[in-house]
Amino acid sequence: MDDGDDGPRAPVGRLHGRLLAILALVSVAAAVAAVWLFSPMMFQSEEEPSAVWPWEDSATVGFPIESASSEAAAESSEASASTAAPSPSASGASPSTEAPSDSDEPDDGGGGGGGGAEAEPEPEPEPEGAECTASLRLGNQWRDSGEVHFEAWVEVANTGGSPIDDWEIELAIDGTEVYRSWGMEHEGGDRYEAERWNSDIERGASAEAGFQGSVDDDVELPDTVPCSAFA
């Protein structure tokens, strides 16, 4: 009976041994952590103001030191710059701070003492006399009896500075025979004068007239012909 009872108790003893070993490891780990956390306070010197805990951010402790060093460097650079720059008394010449007075400006004789006299406006040009231009424009063409007949229009424009009371043109066109006209009267030779109803032309306006002629071959008319205006 005793031999049968010893068999099942062996696993229970091994389980208790493992639990004891785990508890021992946990205790050791807790002791190590406590020593690590409280070691700064235990070994702190009397001269040190406070302990630096391991979990504190070291970057926050360095900011005052960096600012102090940068301020010291700036003060030293300003001191060196002030000693290196020569003073006005040492160079022997002092800069002048006086602003130029109005009395130093040259007198232009205008009596105002300052700005120059305003330029007088240029007088407007006098209106020009009576002038005109006569432009030609080719119209219809047809052939009859071996000749080329055509009609042309004349535009007389007032290009002067005053109204026109009468005008006259010259139709001296080489190889052209003028045998009919309207809006102008033949005065002899190549001269044609305005009729009474279209003789007056205001400034910038124009009047029209026309004529018919013939040539042996192709019709070639100049762009303009001489024009005379009368006021």
Protein backbone atom coordinates (compact mmCIF):
# COMPACT_ATOMS: atom_id res chain seq x y z
CA MET A 1 0.00 0.00 0.00
CA ASP A 2 2.84 2.47 0.75
CA ASP A 3 4.51 1.84 -2.61
CA GLY A 4 1.29 2.67 -4.48
CA ASP A 5 0.80 6.01 -2.70
CA ASP A 6 4.35 7.43 -3.52
CA GLY A 7 3.82 7.35 -7.30
CA PRO A 8 1.26 10.21 -7.83
CA ARG A 9 2.91 12.76 -5.46
CA ALA A 10 6.06 13.29 -7.56
CA PRO A 11 4.48 15.73 -10.12
CA VAL A 12 3.02 17.92 -7.38
CA GLY A 13 6.46 18.44 -5.87
CA ARG A 14 7.95 19.45 -9.17
CA LEU A 15 5.17 22.03 -9.73
CA HIS A 16 5.79 23.61 -6.36
CA GLY A 17 9.48 23.87 -7.13
CA ARG A 18 8.84 25.69 -10.38
CA LEU A 19 6.48 28.20 -8.73
CA LEU A 20 9.09 28.94 -6.09
CA ALA A 21 11.71 29.50 -8.78
CA ILE A 22 9.40 31.95 -10.68
CA LEU A 23 8.65 33.90 -7.49
CA ALA A 24 12.36 34.15 -6.79
CA LEU A 25 13.04 35.55 -10.26
CA VAL A 26 10.22 38.10 -9.90
CA SER A 27 11.60 39.20 -6.53
CA VAL A 28 15.09 39.64 -7.95
CA ALA A 29 13.75 41.67 -10.88
CA ALA A 30 11.75 43.92 -8.54
CA ALA A 31 14.81 44.49 -6.38
CA VAL A 32 16.96 45.39 -9.40
CA ALA A 33 14.31 47.85 -10.65
CA ALA A 34 14.06 49.50 -7.23
CA VAL A 35 17.82 49.91 -7.05
CA TRP A 36 17.90 51.39 -10.56
CA LEU A 37 15.09 53.89 -9.81
CA PHE A 38 16.30 55.10 -6.43
CA SER A 39 20.05 54.96 -7.04
CA PRO A 40 20.30 58.72 -7.95
CA MET A 41 18.77 59.72 -4.62
CA MET A 42 20.90 57.30 -2.63
CA PHE A 43 24.22 58.37 -4.15
CA GLN A 44 23.46 62.10 -4.66
CA SER A 45 26.16 64.50 -3.54
CA GLU A 46 25.36 67.41 -1.26
CA GLU A 47 26.71 69.93 -3.86
CA GLU A 48 24.34 68.78 -6.58
CA PRO A 49 21.03 70.74 -6.54
CA SER A 50 18.79 67.83 -7.57
CA ALA A 51 18.95 64.33 -8.97
CA VAL A 52 18.48 63.69 -12.66
CA TRP A 53 16.02 60.88 -13.11
CA PRO A 54 16.70 58.43 -15.93
CA TRP A 55 13.33 59.01 -17.55
CA GLU A 56 13.72 62.79 -17.77
CA ASP A 57 14.36 64.31 -21.22
CA SER A 58 17.93 65.42 -21.42
CA ALA A 59 17.14 67.85 -24.25
CA THR A 60 15.11 70.09 -21.93
CA VAL A 61 18.07 70.48 -19.57
CA GLY A 62 20.43 71.77 -22.29
CA PHE A 63 18.39 74.73 -23.57
CA PRO A 64 19.46 77.31 -20.95
CA ILE A 65 23.11 76.39 -21.46
CA GLU A 66 22.84 76.84 -25.26
CA SER A 67 21.08 80.22 -24.95
CA ALA A 68 23.65 81.42 -22.45
CA SER A 69 26.52 80.40 -24.71
CA SER A 70 24.89 82.08 -27.77
CA GLU A 71 24.34 85.33 -25.84
CA ALA A 72 27.95 85.31 -24.69
CA ALA A 73 29.15 84.76 -28.27
CA ALA A 74 26.96 87.63 -29.56
CA GLU A 75 28.30 90.00 -26.88
CA SER A 76 31.89 89.08 -27.71
CA SER A 77 31.30 89.64 -31.48
CA GLU A 78 29.74 93.07 -30.80
CA ALA A 79 32.66 94.03 -28.59
CA SER A 80 35.20 93.02 -31.25
CA ALA A 81 33.29 94.92 -33.97
CA SER A 82 33.16 98.09 -31.90
CA THR A 83 36.91 97.96 -31.25
CA ALA A 84 37.73 97.25 -34.92
CA ALA A 85 35.63 100.13 -36.42
CA PRO A 86 37.52 103.45 -36.48
CA SER A 87 35.79 106.34 -34.75
CA PRO A 88 35.15 109.62 -36.59
CA SER A 89 37.58 111.47 -34.30
CA ALA A 90 40.37 109.00 -35.01
CA SER A 91 40.07 109.31 -38.80
CA GLY A 92 40.22 113.10 -38.62
CA ALA A 93 37.09 113.76 -40.67
CA SER A 94 33.56 114.06 -39.36
CA PRO A 95 30.65 113.42 -41.69
CA SER A 96 28.46 116.40 -42.36
CA THR A 97 24.82 115.99 -41.38
CA GLU A 98 23.63 119.41 -42.50
CA ALA A 99 20.90 119.34 -45.15
CA PRO A 100 21.31 121.74 -48.07
CA SER A 101 19.24 124.85 -47.57
CA ASP A 102 16.92 126.39 -50.11
CA SER A 103 19.22 129.41 -50.36
CA ASP A 104 21.91 127.26 -52.02
CA GLU A 105 19.66 126.55 -55.02
CA PRO A 106 20.33 128.75 -58.05
CA ASP A 107 17.91 131.61 -58.54
CA ASP A 108 16.04 131.21 -61.79
CA GLY A 109 14.79 134.80 -61.67
CA GLY A 110 11.15 133.76 -61.35
CA GLY A 111 10.70 135.57 -58.04
CA GLY A 112 9.26 132.45 -56.38
CA GLY A 113 12.54 131.21 -54.93
CA GLY A 114 12.35 127.50 -55.68
CA GLY A 115 10.64 125.83 -58.62
CA GLY A 116 11.33 127.03 -62.14
CA ALA A 117 8.88 129.11 -64.08
CA GLU A 118 6.22 127.10 -65.89
CA ALA A 119 6.62 126.92 -69.64
CA GLU A 120 4.04 128.90 -71.51
CA PRO A 121 1.71 126.80 -73.66
CA GLU A 122 2.52 126.89 -77.30
CA PRO A 123 0.03 128.87 -79.36
CA GLU A 124 -2.31 126.83 -81.48
CA PRO A 125 -1.45 126.89 -85.18
CA GLU A 126 -3.49 129.23 -87.28
CA PRO A 127 -6.03 127.56 -89.52
CA GLU A 128 -4.64 126.86 -92.95
CA GLY A 129 -6.11 128.28 -96.09
CA ALA A 130 -8.40 126.57 -98.54
CA GLU A 131 -6.94 123.32 -99.83
CA CYS A 132 -8.33 120.26 -101.61
CA THR A 133 -7.37 116.90 -103.08
CA ALA A 134 -9.04 115.18 -106.07
CA SER A 135 -9.02 111.35 -106.13
CA LEU A 136 -10.06 109.23 -109.16
CA ARG A 137 -11.98 105.95 -109.05
CA LEU A 138 -12.55 103.82 -112.17
CA GLY A 139 -16.10 102.64 -112.91
CA ASN A 140 -17.62 100.68 -115.82
CA GLN A 141 -15.74 99.89 -119.04
CA TRP A 142 -16.94 98.80 -122.49
CA ARG A 143 -15.56 98.53 -126.02
CA ASP A 144 -17.11 100.41 -128.95
CA SER A 145 -15.76 101.15 -132.45
CA GLY A 146 -12.35 99.71 -131.61
CA GLU A 147 -11.90 101.90 -128.51
CA VAL A 148 -12.32 101.25 -124.80
CA HIS A 149 -14.81 103.56 -123.16
CA PHE A 150 -15.03 104.05 -119.41
CA GLU A 151 -16.56 106.13 -116.68
CA ALA A 152 -14.70 107.48 -113.65
CA TRP A 153 -15.63 109.22 -110.44
CA VAL A 154 -13.87 112.23 -108.91
CA GLU A 155 -13.94 112.84 -105.14
CA VAL A 156 -12.89 116.37 -104.12
CA ALA A 157 -12.05 116.56 -100.39
CA ASN A 158 -11.53 119.71 -98.31
CA THR A 159 -8.15 119.17 -96.60
CA GLY A 160 -7.58 122.78 -95.51
CA GLY A 161 -8.50 124.81 -92.46
CA SER A 162 -11.38 126.82 -93.92
CA PRO A 163 -14.52 126.08 -95.95
CA ILE A 164 -14.26 125.97 -99.76
CA ASP A 165 -16.50 128.18 -101.88
CA ASP A 166 -15.33 126.81 -105.22
CA TRP A 167 -12.86 124.27 -106.62
CA GLU A 168 -11.24 123.33 -109.93
CA ILE A 169 -9.37 120.24 -111.21
CA GLU A 170 -7.21 119.33 -114.20
CA LEU A 171 -7.86 116.10 -116.10
CA ALA A 172 -4.59 115.91 -117.99
CA ILE A 173 -4.44 112.12 -118.53
CA ASP A 174 -2.15 110.86 -121.29
CA GLY A 175 -3.92 108.96 -124.06
CA THR A 176 -7.38 109.73 -122.66
CA GLU A 177 -10.10 111.78 -124.32
CA VAL A 178 -12.78 113.12 -121.95
CA TYR A 179 -16.02 113.70 -123.86
CA ARG A 180 -18.62 113.94 -121.07
CA SER A 181 -18.77 115.13 -117.43
CA TRP A 182 -21.27 115.62 -114.60
CA GLY A 183 -20.94 117.54 -111.33
CA MET A 184 -18.36 119.81 -113.00
CA GLU A 185 -18.19 122.10 -116.03
CA HIS A 186 -15.50 122.14 -118.72
CA GLU A 187 -13.71 125.52 -118.64
CA GLY A 188 -11.30 124.87 -121.48
CA GLY A 189 -8.28 122.69 -122.03
CA ASP A 190 -7.94 120.20 -119.17
CA ARG A 191 -9.65 122.48 -116.61
CA TYR A 192 -12.96 121.47 -115.01
CA GLU A 193 -14.76 123.66 -112.47
CA ALA A 194 -17.38 122.73 -109.86
CA GLU A 195 -21.02 123.36 -110.54
CA ARG A 196 -23.03 125.65 -108.32
CA TRP A 197 -24.72 122.88 -106.30
CA ASN A 198 -21.46 121.10 -105.24
CA SER A 199 -18.99 123.99 -105.13
CA ASP A 200 -19.24 124.61 -101.35
CA ILE A 201 -17.35 122.07 -99.22
CA GLU A 202 -17.04 122.38 -95.45
CA ARG A 203 -13.89 121.44 -93.52
CA GLY A 204 -13.38 117.67 -93.56
CA ALA A 205 -16.19 117.12 -96.10
CA SER A 206 -16.05 116.16 -99.77
CA ALA A 207 -17.99 116.45 -103.03
CA GLU A 208 -18.31 114.09 -106.01
CA ALA A 209 -18.26 114.53 -109.77
CA GLY A 210 -17.64 112.23 -112.74
CA PHE A 211 -16.70 111.96 -116.39
CA GLN A 212 -16.60 109.58 -119.32
CA GLY A 213 -13.63 109.03 -121.61
CA SER A 214 -12.07 106.72 -124.15
CA VAL A 215 -8.63 105.18 -124.77
CA ASP A 216 -7.17 103.03 -127.51
CA ASP A 217 -6.20 100.16 -125.17
CA ASP A 218 -6.32 99.44 -121.44
CA VAL A 219 -7.55 102.18 -119.11
CA GLU A 220 -4.90 103.48 -116.73
CA LEU A 221 -5.93 106.35 -114.44
CA PRO A 222 -3.77 108.11 -111.84
CA ASP A 223 -4.81 108.01 -108.21
CA THR A 224 -5.12 111.80 -107.96
CA VAL A 225 -5.21 114.85 -110.25
CA PRO A 226 -4.31 118.50 -109.47
CA CYS A 227 -6.94 120.38 -107.45
CA SER A 228 -7.31 124.08 -106.63
CA ALA A 229 -9.57 125.42 -103.85
CA PHE A 230 -11.02 128.93 -103.44
CA ALA A 231 -12.39 130.38 -100.21
